[in-house]
């Protein structure tokens, strides 16, 4: 079974941040640019970015 697409997006965004591609205070790409990057619609993209935000701010 293939992982959910939104989970792949969340993971890729995490990799961008952890790898230093994105830095605090950097201007973020628009939703349209991110959707084009991942080849998905806005609903799937929002699910992936929402998951990334939840993961970032959840206590471990």
PDB file of N, CA and C in Angstrom:
ATOM      1  N   UNK A   1       0.844  -1.190   0.000  1.00  0.00           N
ATOM      2  CA  UNK A   1       0.000   0.000   0.000  1.00  0.00           C
ATOM      3  C   UNK A   1       0.881   1.242   0.000  1.00  0.00           C
ATOM      4  N   UNK A   2       0.556   2.170  -0.851  1.00  0.00           N
ATOM      5  CA  UNK A   2       1.335   3.393  -0.985  1.00  0.00           C
ATOM      6  C   UNK A   2       0.948   4.389   0.128  1.00  0.00           C
ATOM      7  N   UNK A   3       1.953   5.091   0.691  1.00  0.00           N
ATOM      8  CA  UNK A   3       1.620   6.062   1.740  1.00  0.00           C
ATOM      9  C   UNK A   3       0.746   7.184   1.182  1.00  0.00           C
ATOM     10  N   UNK A   4       0.013   7.785   2.064  1.00  0.00           N
ATOM     11  CA  UNK A   4      -0.838   8.916   1.669  1.00  0.00           C
ATOM     12  C   UNK A   4       0.013  10.034   1.102  1.00  0.00           C
ATOM     13  N   UNK A   5      -0.466  10.668   0.048  1.00  0.00           N
ATOM     14  CA  UNK A   5       0.276  11.726  -0.617  1.00  0.00           C
ATOM     15  C   UNK A   5       0.546  12.899   0.322  1.00  0.00           C
ATOM     16  N   UNK A   6      -0.436  13.241   1.158  1.00  0.00           N
ATOM     17  CA  UNK A   6      -0.240  14.367   2.051  1.00  0.00           C
ATOM     18  C   UNK A   6       0.879  14.090   3.051  1.00  0.00           C
ATOM     19  N   UNK A   7       1.085  12.818   3.412  1.00  0.00           N
ATOM     20  CA  UNK A   7       2.181  12.487   4.328  1.00  0.00           C
ATOM     21  C   UNK A   7       3.528  12.693   3.645  1.00  0.00           C
ATOM     22  N   UNK A   8       3.592  12.407   2.358  1.00  0.00           N
ATOM     23  CA  UNK A   8       4.815  12.642   1.592  1.00  0.00           C
ATOM     24  C   UNK A   8       5.125  14.136   1.524  1.00  0.00           C
ATOM     25  N   UNK A   9       4.089  14.943   1.376  1.00  0.00           N
ATOM     26  CA  UNK A   9       4.272  16.395   1.338  1.00  0.00           C
ATOM     27  C   UNK A   9       4.777  16.877   2.687  1.00  0.00           C
ATOM     28  N   UNK A  10       4.172  16.421   3.764  1.00  0.00           N
ATOM     29  CA  UNK A  10       4.600  16.802   5.105  1.00  0.00           C
ATOM     30  C   UNK A  10       6.063  16.436   5.329  1.00  0.00           C
ATOM     31  N   UNK A  11       6.428  15.241   4.897  1.00  0.00           N
ATOM     32  CA  UNK A  11       7.808  14.783   5.050  1.00  0.00           C
ATOM     33  C   UNK A  11       8.773  15.624   4.228  1.00  0.00           C
ATOM     34  N   UNK A  12       8.397  15.961   3.002  1.00  0.00           N
ATOM     35  CA  UNK A  12       9.261  16.781   2.144  1.00  0.00           C
ATOM     36  C   UNK A  12       9.456  18.176   2.738  1.00  0.00           C
ATOM     37  N   UNK A  13       8.399  18.740   3.295  1.00  0.00           N
ATOM     38  CA  UNK A  13       8.517  20.056   3.922  1.00  0.00           C
ATOM     39  C   UNK A  13       9.424  19.990   5.149  1.00  0.00           C
ATOM     40  N   UNK A  14       9.311  18.913   5.899  1.00  0.00           N
ATOM     41  CA  UNK A  14      10.194  18.712   7.054  1.00  0.00           C
ATOM     42  C   UNK A  14      11.650  18.635   6.595  1.00  0.00           C
ATOM     43  N   UNK A  15      11.893  17.888   5.529  1.00  0.00           N
ATOM     44  CA  UNK A  15      13.247  17.756   4.990  1.00  0.00           C
ATOM     45  C   UNK A  15      13.784  19.108   4.540  1.00  0.00           C
ATOM     46  N   UNK A  16      12.941  19.923   3.921  1.00  0.00           N
ATOM     47  CA  UNK A  16      13.358  21.267   3.494  1.00  0.00           C
ATOM     48  C   UNK A  16      13.813  22.099   4.691  1.00  0.00           C
ATOM     49  N   UNK A  17      13.069  22.018   5.772  1.00  0.00           N
ATOM     50  CA  UNK A  17      13.389  22.808   6.962  1.00  0.00           C
ATOM     51  C   UNK A  17      14.627  22.244   7.655  1.00  0.00           C
ATOM     52  N   UNK A  18      14.639  20.946   7.888  1.00  0.00           N
ATOM     53  CA  UNK A  18      15.756  20.304   8.591  1.00  0.00           C
ATOM     54  C   UNK A  18      17.051  20.397   7.793  1.00  0.00           C
ATOM     55  N   UNK A  19      16.941  20.374   6.468  1.00  0.00           N
ATOM     56  CA  UNK A  19      18.120  20.428   5.618  1.00  0.00           C
ATOM     57  C   UNK A  19      18.637  21.831   5.362  1.00  0.00           C
ATOM     58  N   UNK A  20      17.944  22.832   5.892  1.00  0.00           N
ATOM     59  CA  UNK A  20      18.402  24.208   5.742  1.00  0.00           C
ATOM     60  C   UNK A  20      17.933  24.898   4.468  1.00  0.00           C
ATOM     61  N   UNK A  21      17.037  24.252   3.716  1.00  0.00           N
ATOM     62  CA  UNK A  21      16.516  24.895   2.503  1.00  0.00           C
ATOM     63  C   UNK A  21      15.629  26.083   2.877  1.00  0.00           C
ATOM     64  N   UNK A  22      14.869  25.935   3.939  1.00  0.00           N
ATOM     65  CA  UNK A  22      14.018  27.011   4.450  1.00  0.00           C
ATOM     66  C   UNK A  22      14.544  27.452   5.801  1.00  0.00           C
ATOM     67  N   UNK A  23      14.521  28.748   6.025  1.00  0.00           N
ATOM     68  CA  UNK A  23      15.021  29.314   7.276  1.00  0.00           C
ATOM     69  C   UNK A  23      13.931  30.156   7.936  1.00  0.00           C
ATOM     70  N   UNK A  24      13.996  30.316   9.261  1.00  0.00           N
ATOM     71  CA  UNK A  24      13.026  31.189   9.934  1.00  0.00           C
ATOM     72  C   UNK A  24      13.070  32.595   9.323  1.00  0.00           C
ATOM     73  N   UNK A  25      11.896  33.114   9.057  1.00  0.00           N
ATOM     74  CA  UNK A  25      11.791  34.454   8.493  1.00  0.00           C
ATOM     75  C   UNK A  25      11.794  34.492   6.977  1.00  0.00           C
ATOM     76  N   UNK A  26      12.131  33.359   6.328  1.00  0.00           N
ATOM     77  CA  UNK A  26      12.087  33.310   4.869  1.00  0.00           C
ATOM     78  C   UNK A  26      10.646  33.425   4.396  1.00  0.00           C
ATOM     79  N   UNK A  27      10.482  34.044   3.242  1.00  0.00           N
ATOM     80  CA  UNK A  27       9.167  34.114   2.625  1.00  0.00           C
ATOM     81  C   UNK A  27       8.815  32.724   2.102  1.00  0.00           C
ATOM     82  N   UNK A  28       7.643  32.259   2.426  1.00  0.00           N
ATOM     83  CA  UNK A  28       7.197  30.930   2.027  1.00  0.00           C
ATOM     84  C   UNK A  28       6.606  30.971   0.616  1.00  0.00           C
ATOM     85  N   UNK A  29       6.745  29.861  -0.122  1.00  0.00           N
ATOM     86  CA  UNK A  29       6.110  29.794  -1.447  1.00  0.00           C
ATOM     87  C   UNK A  29       4.591  29.877  -1.302  1.00  0.00           C
ATOM     88  N   UNK A  30       3.948  30.372  -2.332  1.00  0.00           N
ATOM     89  CA  UNK A  30       2.489  30.436  -2.312  1.00  0.00           C
ATOM     90  C   UNK A  30       1.901  29.032  -2.380  1.00  0.00           C
ATOM     91  N   UNK A  31       0.634  28.943  -2.024  1.00  0.00           N
ATOM     92  CA  UNK A  31      -0.050  27.662  -2.100  1.00  0.00           C
ATOM     93  C   UNK A  31      -0.014  27.137  -3.538  1.00  0.00           C
ATOM     94  N   UNK A  32      -0.196  28.018  -4.503  1.00  0.00           N
ATOM     95  CA  UNK A  32      -0.185  27.605  -5.912  1.00  0.00           C
ATOM     96  C   UNK A  32       1.175  27.029  -6.309  1.00  0.00           C
ATOM     97  N   UNK A  33       2.255  27.648  -5.857  1.00  0.00           N
ATOM     98  CA  UNK A  33       3.595  27.153  -6.190  1.00  0.00           C
ATOM     99  C   UNK A  33       3.872  25.804  -5.527  1.00  0.00           C
ATOM    100  N   UNK A  34       3.462  25.659  -4.275  1.00  0.00           N
ATOM    101  CA  UNK A  34       3.651  24.375  -3.599  1.00  0.00           C
ATOM    102  C   UNK A  34       2.798  23.284  -4.244  1.00  0.00           C
ATOM    103  N   UNK A  35       1.575  23.618  -4.605  1.00  0.00           N
ATOM    104  CA  UNK A  35       0.708  22.636  -5.256  1.00  0.00           C
ATOM    105  C   UNK A  35       1.321  22.190  -6.585  1.00  0.00           C
ATOM    106  N   UNK A  36       1.895  23.123  -7.321  1.00  0.00           N
ATOM    107  CA  UNK A  36       2.547  22.786  -8.590  1.00  0.00           C
ATOM    108  C   UNK A  36       3.790  21.931  -8.341  1.00  0.00           C
ATOM    109  N   UNK A  37       4.552  22.265  -7.321  1.00  0.00           N
ATOM    110  CA  UNK A  37       5.756  21.499  -6.989  1.00  0.00           C
ATOM    111  C   UNK A  37       5.429  20.031  -6.732  1.00  0.00           C
ATOM    112  N   UNK A  38       4.361  19.802  -5.981  1.00  0.00           N
ATOM    113  CA  UNK A  38       3.998  18.443  -5.604  1.00  0.00           C
ATOM    114  C   UNK A  38       2.985  17.805  -6.552  1.00  0.00           C
ATOM    115  N   UNK A  39       2.448  18.586  -7.478  1.00  0.00           N
ATOM    116  CA  UNK A  39       1.480  18.052  -8.429  1.00  0.00           C
ATOM    117  C   UNK A  39       0.180  17.626  -7.793  1.00  0.00           C
ATOM    118  N   UNK A  40      -0.294  18.427  -6.836  1.00  0.00           N
ATOM    119  CA  UNK A  40      -1.520  18.098  -6.102  1.00  0.00           C
ATOM    120  C   UNK A  40      -2.466  19.283  -6.086  1.00  0.00           C
ATOM    121  N   UNK A  41      -3.677  19.037  -5.645  1.00  0.00           N
ATOM    122  CA  UNK A  41      -4.659  20.094  -5.466  1.00  0.00           C
ATOM    123  C   UNK A  41      -4.498  20.756  -4.106  1.00  0.00           C
ATOM    124  N   UNK A  42      -5.263  21.810  -3.914  1.00  0.00           N
ATOM    125  CA  UNK A  42      -5.135  22.594  -2.681  1.00  0.00           C
ATOM    126  C   UNK A  42      -5.534  21.790  -1.441  1.00  0.00           C
ATOM    127  N   UNK A  43      -6.530  20.923  -1.554  1.00  0.00           N
ATOM    128  CA  UNK A  43      -6.975  20.158  -0.387  1.00  0.00           C
ATOM    129  C   UNK A  43      -5.853  19.251   0.129  1.00  0.00           C
ATOM    130  N   UNK A  44      -5.217  18.524  -0.777  1.00  0.00           N
ATOM    131  CA  UNK A  44      -4.127  17.626  -0.391  1.00  0.00           C
ATOM    132  C   UNK A  44      -2.955  18.420   0.171  1.00  0.00           C
ATOM    133  N   UNK A  45      -2.648  19.538  -0.470  1.00  0.00           N
ATOM    134  CA  UNK A  45      -1.549  20.377   0.005  1.00  0.00           C
ATOM    135  C   UNK A  45      -1.831  20.905   1.409  1.00  0.00           C
ATOM    136  N   UNK A  46      -3.027  21.373   1.645  1.00  0.00           N
ATOM    137  CA  UNK A  46      -3.375  21.893   2.974  1.00  0.00           C
ATOM    138  C   UNK A  46      -3.291  20.809   4.040  1.00  0.00           C
ATOM    139  N   UNK A  47      -3.663  19.601   3.691  1.00  0.00           N
ATOM    140  CA  UNK A  47      -3.559  18.485   4.641  1.00  0.00           C
ATOM    141  C   UNK A  47      -2.095  18.231   4.998  1.00  0.00           C
ATOM    142  N   UNK A  48      -1.226  18.268   4.000  1.00  0.00           N
ATOM    143  CA  UNK A  48       0.199  18.056   4.233  1.00  0.00           C
ATOM    144  C   UNK A  48       0.850  19.173   5.015  1.00  0.00           C
ATOM    145  N   UNK A  49       0.511  20.415   4.686  1.00  0.00           N
ATOM    146  CA  UNK A  49       1.104  21.531   5.428  1.00  0.00           C
ATOM    147  C   UNK A  49       0.526  21.603   6.833  1.00  0.00           C
ATOM    148  N   UNK A  50      -0.747  21.282   6.976  1.00  0.00           N
ATOM    149  CA  UNK A  50      -1.354  21.265   8.309  1.00  0.00           C
ATOM    150  C   UNK A  50      -0.718  20.210   9.199  1.00  0.00           C
ATOM    151  N   UNK A  51      -0.426  19.059   8.618  1.00  0.00           N
ATOM    152  CA  UNK A  51       0.242  18.012   9.380  1.00  0.00           C
ATOM    153  C   UNK A  51       1.634  18.470   9.809  1.00  0.00           C
ATOM    154  N   UNK A  52       2.333  19.164   8.937  1.00  0.00           N
ATOM    155  CA  UNK A  52       3.686  19.641   9.259  1.00  0.00           C
ATOM    156  C   UNK A  52       3.634  20.628  10.416  1.00  0.00           C
ATOM    157  N   UNK A  53       2.656  21.514  10.409  1.00  0.00           N
ATOM    158  CA  UNK A  53       2.506  22.480  11.508  1.00  0.00           C
ATOM    159  C   UNK A  53       2.198  21.755  12.811  1.00  0.00           C
ATOM    160  N   UNK A  54       1.288  20.782  12.748  1.00  0.00           N
ATOM    161  CA  UNK A  54       0.945  20.017  13.949  1.00  0.00           C
ATOM    162  C   UNK A  54       2.157  19.282  14.487  1.00  0.00           C
ATOM    163  N   UNK A  55       2.933  18.659  13.617  1.00  0.00           N
ATOM    164  CA  UNK A  55       4.133  17.924  14.029  1.00  0.00           C
ATOM    165  C   UNK A  55       5.175  18.865  14.646  1.00  0.00           C
ATOM    166  N   UNK A  56       5.286  20.054  14.076  1.00  0.00           N
ATOM    167  CA  UNK A  56       6.284  21.010  14.547  1.00  0.00           C
ATOM    168  C   UNK A  56       5.976  21.503  15.963  1.00  0.00           C
ATOM    169  N   UNK A  57       4.713  21.721  16.259  1.00  0.00           N
ATOM    170  CA  UNK A  57       4.346  22.306  17.538  1.00  0.00           C
ATOM    171  C   UNK A  57       3.820  21.308  18.570  1.00  0.00           C
ATOM    172  N   UNK A  58       3.826  20.028  18.240  1.00  0.00           N
ATOM    173  CA  UNK A  58       3.368  19.021  19.196  1.00  0.00           C
ATOM    174  C   UNK A  58       4.479  18.681  20.169  1.00  0.00           C
ATOM    175  N   UNK A  59       4.168  18.615  21.456  1.00  0.00           N
ATOM    176  CA  UNK A  59       5.190  18.198  22.410  1.00  0.00           C
ATOM    177  C   UNK A  59       5.514  16.724  22.224  1.00  0.00           C
ATOM    178  N   UNK A  60       6.771  16.375  22.416  1.00  0.00           N
ATOM    179  CA  UNK A  60       7.175  14.975  22.252  1.00  0.00           C
ATOM    180  C   UNK A  60       7.492  14.335  23.557  1.00  0.00           C
TER     181      UNK A  60
END
